[in-house]
Amino acid sequence: MAAVLFVAILAGLALSSLALGSSSALAQASATFGADRAQLAACLRENRSAAPSCIGAIAVGCLGSAGTDRRAAEVSCARREEMVWRERLTQALRVSGRTLDAGQRSRLAALHLSWEGFIAQKCAFYGSIQREGWQLGRQAGCELREVALRALELERAAPSQTPTRRPQSPPQIFR
C-alpha cells in the first residue's frame, strides 16, 4: 500500500513540473512530452547495449533549438528530459513492486524516498560549486543524469515481462 501511494506521489510530482498555463499551452506541452517519450524509446531500442548513451539526447536537441538565453534553456531542457526519465522510473518501480510482498514494497518505497533525498542534496551541492549563473543548469543536469541512471538500473533488474511458455499440448494425467 505504501509503495502504491509513493509511486502515485512520484507521478504527481513529475506531472506537476509541467508549467501550468492555458489549455493550449498544456496541449502543446503534452504533445512535446509525447514526442520526447517516443524519441527516448527509439534511442533505447537502437542502443540496447549502451542505454546510458541516450541520457541527455532530448536535452541536447532542445538546447540546439534554444534562443539566446542558454542558461535558462539548460535548466528547462534538462527538466523536460527528466520528466520522461522520471515516468520510466515510476513505471520501473511499479513493475519491481509487483512481485514483492507488502513488507518488501514498503522497504522499496522507503529506499526510494531516501534515494530521492540523497540525489536532491548531491545535485544541490554540485550546482553550488559551479560558476555563478551556471549553477541551476548544472544542478538540473545532475538530477536528469541521476534519475535516468536509476530508471535504467531498475528496468534492468525488473522481472521479465515475457509471458511464460506453454506446452504445445496440454499435460496428461495418468492414473
C-alpha atoms as a PDB file:
ATOM      1  CA  MET A   1       0.000   0.000   0.000  1.00  0.00           C
ATOM      2  CA  ALA A   2       2.788   2.417   0.918  1.00  0.00           C
ATOM      3  CA  ALA A   3       4.598   1.665  -2.348  1.00  0.00           C
ATOM      4  CA  VAL A   4       1.473   2.329  -4.399  1.00  0.00           C
ATOM      5  CA  LEU A   5       0.916   5.615  -2.583  1.00  0.00           C
ATOM      6  CA  PHE A   6       4.561   6.523  -3.028  1.00  0.00           C
ATOM      7  CA  VAL A   7       4.515   5.784  -6.777  1.00  0.00           C
ATOM      8  CA  ALA A   8       1.342   7.858  -7.123  1.00  0.00           C
ATOM      9  CA  ILE A   9       3.069  10.730  -5.343  1.00  0.00           C
ATOM     10  CA  LEU A  10       6.067  10.427  -7.677  1.00  0.00           C
ATOM     11  CA  ALA A  11       3.840  10.502 -10.729  1.00  0.00           C
ATOM     12  CA  GLY A  12       2.077  13.586  -9.385  1.00  0.00           C
ATOM     13  CA  LEU A  13       5.390  15.329  -8.796  1.00  0.00           C
ATOM     14  CA  ALA A  14       6.560  14.562 -12.306  1.00  0.00           C
ATOM     15  CA  LEU A  15       3.375  15.900 -13.826  1.00  0.00           C
ATOM     16  CA  SER A  16       3.349  18.974 -11.596  1.00  0.00           C
ATOM     17  CA  SER A  17       6.688  20.026 -13.023  1.00  0.00           C
ATOM     18  CA  LEU A  18       4.866  20.925 -16.234  1.00  0.00           C
ATOM     19  CA  ALA A  19       4.249  24.636 -16.469  1.00  0.00           C
ATOM     20  CA  LEU A  20       0.590  25.213 -15.728  1.00  0.00           C
ATOM     21  CA  GLY A  21      -0.984  27.635 -18.098  1.00  0.00           C
ATOM     22  CA  SER A  22      -3.723  27.855 -20.687  1.00  0.00           C
ATOM     23  CA  SER A  23      -5.227  24.723 -22.160  1.00  0.00           C
ATOM     24  CA  SER A  24      -3.374  25.322 -25.443  1.00  0.00           C
ATOM     25  CA  ALA A  25      -0.076  25.516 -23.527  1.00  0.00           C
ATOM     26  CA  LEU A  26      -0.928  22.257 -21.767  1.00  0.00           C
ATOM     27  CA  ALA A  27      -1.815  20.611 -25.075  1.00  0.00           C
ATOM     28  CA  GLN A  28       1.481  21.765 -26.567  1.00  0.00           C
ATOM     29  CA  ALA A  29       3.389  20.512 -23.513  1.00  0.00           C
ATOM     30  CA  SER A  30       1.576  17.175 -23.795  1.00  0.00           C
ATOM     31  CA  ALA A  31       2.475  16.871 -27.482  1.00  0.00           C
ATOM     32  CA  THR A  32       6.100  17.735 -26.712  1.00  0.00           C
ATOM     33  CA  PHE A  33       6.140  15.175 -23.891  1.00  0.00           C
ATOM     34  CA  GLY A  34       4.779  12.507 -26.230  1.00  0.00           C
ATOM     35  CA  ALA A  35       7.410  13.307 -28.858  1.00  0.00           C
ATOM     36  CA  ASP A  36      10.151  13.247 -26.211  1.00  0.00           C
ATOM     37  CA  ARG A  37       8.886   9.903 -24.918  1.00  0.00           C
ATOM     38  CA  ALA A  38       8.944   8.457 -28.444  1.00  0.00           C
ATOM     39  CA  GLN A  39      12.432   9.853 -29.099  1.00  0.00           C
ATOM     40  CA  LEU A  40      13.803   8.286 -25.915  1.00  0.00           C
ATOM     41  CA  ALA A  41      12.119   4.932 -26.601  1.00  0.00           C
ATOM     42  CA  ALA A  42      13.635   4.863 -30.102  1.00  0.00           C
ATOM     43  CA  CYS A  43      17.078   5.703 -28.742  1.00  0.00           C
ATOM     44  CA  LEU A  44      16.851   2.946 -26.131  1.00  0.00           C
ATOM     45  CA  ARG A  45      15.686   0.417 -28.758  1.00  0.00           C
ATOM     46  CA  GLU A  46      18.611   1.299 -31.031  1.00  0.00           C
ATOM     47  CA  ASN A  47      21.175   1.309 -28.208  1.00  0.00           C
ATOM     48  CA  ARG A  48      20.129  -1.602 -26.010  1.00  0.00           C
ATOM     49  CA  SER A  49      23.684  -2.469 -25.010  1.00  0.00           C
ATOM     50  CA  ALA A  50      24.626   1.189 -24.479  1.00  0.00           C
ATOM     51  CA  ALA A  51      21.414   2.603 -22.995  1.00  0.00           C
ATOM     52  CA  PRO A  52      23.239   5.243 -20.886  1.00  0.00           C
ATOM     53  CA  SER A  53      24.299   6.884 -24.148  1.00  0.00           C
ATOM     54  CA  CYS A  54      20.666   8.011 -24.540  1.00  0.00           C
ATOM     55  CA  ILE A  55      20.873  10.166 -21.401  1.00  0.00           C
ATOM     56  CA  GLY A  56      20.846  13.784 -22.479  1.00  0.00           C
ATOM     57  CA  ALA A  57      19.709  13.167 -26.052  1.00  0.00           C
ATOM     58  CA  ILE A  58      16.485  15.146 -25.637  1.00  0.00           C
ATOM     59  CA  ALA A  59      18.140  17.947 -23.650  1.00  0.00           C
ATOM     60  CA  VAL A  60      20.937  18.377 -26.204  1.00  0.00           C
ATOM     61  CA  GLY A  61      18.412  18.610 -29.047  1.00  0.00           C
ATOM     62  CA  CYS A  62      16.356  21.056 -27.023  1.00  0.00           C
ATOM     63  CA  LEU A  63      19.422  23.228 -26.354  1.00  0.00           C
ATOM     64  CA  GLY A  64      20.184  23.275 -30.073  1.00  0.00           C
ATOM     65  CA  SER A  65      16.847  24.913 -30.756  1.00  0.00           C
ATOM     66  CA  ALA A  66      17.038  27.264 -27.749  1.00  0.00           C
ATOM     67  CA  GLY A  67      17.082  31.006 -28.100  1.00  0.00           C
ATOM     68  CA  THR A  68      19.701  33.381 -26.819  1.00  0.00           C
ATOM     69  CA  ASP A  69      19.362  32.649 -23.090  1.00  0.00           C
ATOM     70  CA  ARG A  70      21.387  29.449 -22.917  1.00  0.00           C
ATOM     71  CA  ARG A  71      21.429  29.339 -19.109  1.00  0.00           C
ATOM     72  CA  ALA A  72      17.651  29.300 -18.798  1.00  0.00           C
ATOM     73  CA  ALA A  73      17.400  26.831 -21.677  1.00  0.00           C
ATOM     74  CA  GLU A  74      19.851  24.484 -19.968  1.00  0.00           C
ATOM     75  CA  VAL A  75      17.560  24.268 -16.943  1.00  0.00           C
ATOM     76  CA  SER A  76      14.306  23.904 -18.884  1.00  0.00           C
ATOM     77  CA  CYS A  77      15.732  21.370 -21.352  1.00  0.00           C
ATOM     78  CA  ALA A  78      17.175  19.205 -18.570  1.00  0.00           C
ATOM     79  CA  ARG A  79      13.857  19.320 -16.680  1.00  0.00           C
ATOM     80  CA  ARG A  80      11.992  18.454 -19.882  1.00  0.00           C
ATOM     81  CA  GLU A  81      14.051  15.298 -20.410  1.00  0.00           C
ATOM     82  CA  GLU A  82      13.988  14.450 -16.706  1.00  0.00           C
ATOM     83  CA  MET A  83      10.178  14.241 -16.899  1.00  0.00           C
ATOM     84  CA  VAL A  84      10.445  11.458 -19.497  1.00  0.00           C
ATOM     85  CA  TRP A  85      13.022   9.547 -17.467  1.00  0.00           C
ATOM     86  CA  ARG A  86      11.015  10.050 -14.281  1.00  0.00           C
ATOM     87  CA  GLU A  87       7.992   8.473 -15.974  1.00  0.00           C
ATOM     88  CA  ARG A  88      10.158   5.449 -16.823  1.00  0.00           C
ATOM     89  CA  LEU A  89      11.467   5.374 -13.253  1.00  0.00           C
ATOM     90  CA  THR A  90       7.929   5.386 -11.865  1.00  0.00           C
ATOM     91  CA  GLN A  91       6.946   2.544 -14.201  1.00  0.00           C
ATOM     92  CA  ALA A  92      10.055   0.540 -13.235  1.00  0.00           C
ATOM     93  CA  LEU A  93       9.169   0.986  -9.554  1.00  0.00           C
ATOM     94  CA  ARG A  94       5.649  -0.293 -10.223  1.00  0.00           C
ATOM     95  CA  VAL A  95       6.942  -3.340 -12.078  1.00  0.00           C
ATOM     96  CA  SER A  96       9.534  -4.041  -9.385  1.00  0.00           C
ATOM     97  CA  GLY A  97       6.895  -3.860  -6.679  1.00  0.00           C
ATOM     98  CA  ARG A  98       4.515  -6.339  -8.320  1.00  0.00           C
ATOM     99  CA  THR A  99       6.499  -9.388  -7.243  1.00  0.00           C
ATOM    100  CA  LEU A 100       7.175  -8.158  -3.704  1.00  0.00           C
ATOM    101  CA  ASP A 101       5.136  -8.751  -0.584  1.00  0.00           C
ATOM    102  CA  ALA A 102       3.779  -5.783   1.389  1.00  0.00           C
ATOM    103  CA  GLY A 103       6.807  -5.507   3.679  1.00  0.00           C
ATOM    104  CA  GLN A 104       9.243  -5.582   0.768  1.00  0.00           C
ATOM    105  CA  ARG A 105       7.225  -2.983  -1.138  1.00  0.00           C
ATOM    106  CA  SER A 106       7.282  -0.757   1.914  1.00  0.00           C
ATOM    107  CA  ARG A 107      11.061  -1.117   2.162  1.00  0.00           C
ATOM    108  CA  LEU A 108      11.421  -0.374  -1.559  1.00  0.00           C
ATOM    109  CA  ALA A 109       9.348   2.797  -1.113  1.00  0.00           C
ATOM    110  CA  ALA A 110      11.468   3.863   1.877  1.00  0.00           C
ATOM    111  CA  LEU A 111      14.645   3.131  -0.058  1.00  0.00           C
ATOM    112  CA  HIS A 112      13.415   5.192  -2.968  1.00  0.00           C
ATOM    113  CA  LEU A 113      12.490   8.110  -0.724  1.00  0.00           C
ATOM    114  CA  SER A 114      15.992   8.008   0.747  1.00  0.00           C
ATOM    115  CA  TRP A 115      17.477   7.881  -2.743  1.00  0.00           C
ATOM    116  CA  GLU A 116      15.424  10.919  -3.811  1.00  0.00           C
ATOM    117  CA  GLY A 117      16.692  12.863  -0.790  1.00  0.00           C
ATOM    118  CA  PHE A 118      20.301  11.886  -1.466  1.00  0.00           C
ATOM    119  CA  ILE A 119      20.083  12.915  -5.114  1.00  0.00           C
ATOM    120  CA  ALA A 120      18.482  16.256  -4.228  1.00  0.00           C
ATOM    121  CA  GLN A 121      21.322  17.003  -1.815  1.00  0.00           C
ATOM    122  CA  LYS A 122      24.057  15.680  -4.094  1.00  0.00           C
ATOM    123  CA  CYS A 123      22.907  17.718  -7.081  1.00  0.00           C
ATOM    124  CA  ALA A 124      22.277  20.843  -4.998  1.00  0.00           C
ATOM    125  CA  PHE A 125      25.861  20.603  -3.735  1.00  0.00           C
ATOM    126  CA  TYR A 126      27.189  20.006  -7.251  1.00  0.00           C
ATOM    127  CA  GLY A 127      25.270  23.025  -8.506  1.00  0.00           C
ATOM    128  CA  SER A 128      26.515  25.203  -5.658  1.00  0.00           C
ATOM    129  CA  ILE A 129      30.167  24.684  -6.568  1.00  0.00           C
ATOM    130  CA  GLN A 130      29.683  25.816 -10.166  1.00  0.00           C
ATOM    131  CA  ARG A 131      30.342  29.265 -11.585  1.00  0.00           C
ATOM    132  CA  GLU A 132      27.811  31.973 -10.863  1.00  0.00           C
ATOM    133  CA  GLY A 133      24.947  31.832 -13.344  1.00  0.00           C
ATOM    134  CA  TRP A 134      25.519  28.205 -14.343  1.00  0.00           C
ATOM    135  CA  GLN A 135      24.525  26.677 -11.024  1.00  0.00           C
ATOM    136  CA  LEU A 136      20.859  25.922 -11.748  1.00  0.00           C
ATOM    137  CA  GLY A 137      21.615  24.375 -15.132  1.00  0.00           C
ATOM    138  CA  ARG A 138      24.321  22.127 -13.739  1.00  0.00           C
ATOM    139  CA  GLN A 139      22.062  21.072 -10.868  1.00  0.00           C
ATOM    140  CA  ALA A 140      19.234  20.248 -13.302  1.00  0.00           C
ATOM    141  CA  GLY A 141      21.658  18.253 -15.470  1.00  0.00           C
ATOM    142  CA  CYS A 142      22.847  16.304 -12.427  1.00  0.00           C
ATOM    143  CA  GLU A 143      19.264  15.457 -11.455  1.00  0.00           C
ATOM    144  CA  LEU A 144      18.485  14.386 -15.024  1.00  0.00           C
ATOM    145  CA  ARG A 145      21.512  12.088 -15.131  1.00  0.00           C
ATOM    146  CA  GLU A 146      20.768  10.512 -11.736  1.00  0.00           C
ATOM    147  CA  VAL A 147      17.075   9.901 -12.456  1.00  0.00           C
ATOM    148  CA  ALA A 148      17.932   8.372 -15.838  1.00  0.00           C
ATOM    149  CA  LEU A 149      20.596   6.088 -14.370  1.00  0.00           C
ATOM    150  CA  ARG A 150      18.218   4.930 -11.619  1.00  0.00           C
ATOM    151  CA  ALA A 151      15.467   4.253 -14.169  1.00  0.00           C
ATOM    152  CA  LEU A 152      17.857   2.161 -16.274  1.00  0.00           C
ATOM    153  CA  GLU A 153      19.050   0.290 -13.174  1.00  0.00           C
ATOM    154  CA  LEU A 154      15.511  -0.609 -12.105  1.00  0.00           C
ATOM    155  CA  GLU A 155      14.460  -1.524 -15.649  1.00  0.00           C
ATOM    156  CA  ARG A 156      17.391  -3.964 -15.912  1.00  0.00           C
ATOM    157  CA  ALA A 157      16.539  -5.510 -12.536  1.00  0.00           C
ATOM    158  CA  ALA A 158      12.776  -5.700 -13.118  1.00  0.00           C
ATOM    159  CA  PRO A 159      11.208  -9.123 -13.581  1.00  0.00           C
ATOM    160  CA  SER A 160      10.809 -10.186 -17.178  1.00  0.00           C
ATOM    161  CA  GLN A 161       7.579  -9.135 -18.846  1.00  0.00           C
ATOM    162  CA  THR A 162       7.632 -12.021 -21.326  1.00  0.00           C
ATOM    163  CA  PRO A 163       4.762 -14.469 -20.986  1.00  0.00           C
ATOM    164  CA  THR A 164       5.587 -17.960 -19.769  1.00  0.00           C
ATOM    165  CA  ARG A 165       5.868 -20.646 -22.419  1.00  0.00           C
ATOM    166  CA  ARG A 166       3.029 -23.085 -22.550  1.00  0.00           C
ATOM    167  CA  PRO A 167       3.425 -26.643 -23.728  1.00  0.00           C
ATOM    168  CA  GLN A 168       2.232 -27.461 -27.227  1.00  0.00           C
ATOM    169  CA  SER A 169      -0.225 -29.966 -25.881  1.00  0.00           C
ATOM    170  CA  PRO A 170      -1.927 -29.928 -22.501  1.00  0.00           C
ATOM    171  CA  PRO A 171      -0.423 -32.151 -19.844  1.00  0.00           C
ATOM    172  CA  GLN A 172      -1.974 -35.587 -19.473  1.00  0.00           C
ATOM    173  CA  ILE A 173      -2.554 -37.179 -16.135  1.00  0.00           C
ATOM    174  CA  PHE A 174      -2.041 -40.930 -15.995  1.00  0.00           C
ATOM    175  CA  ARG A 175      -3.672 -42.994 -13.267  1.00  0.00           C
END
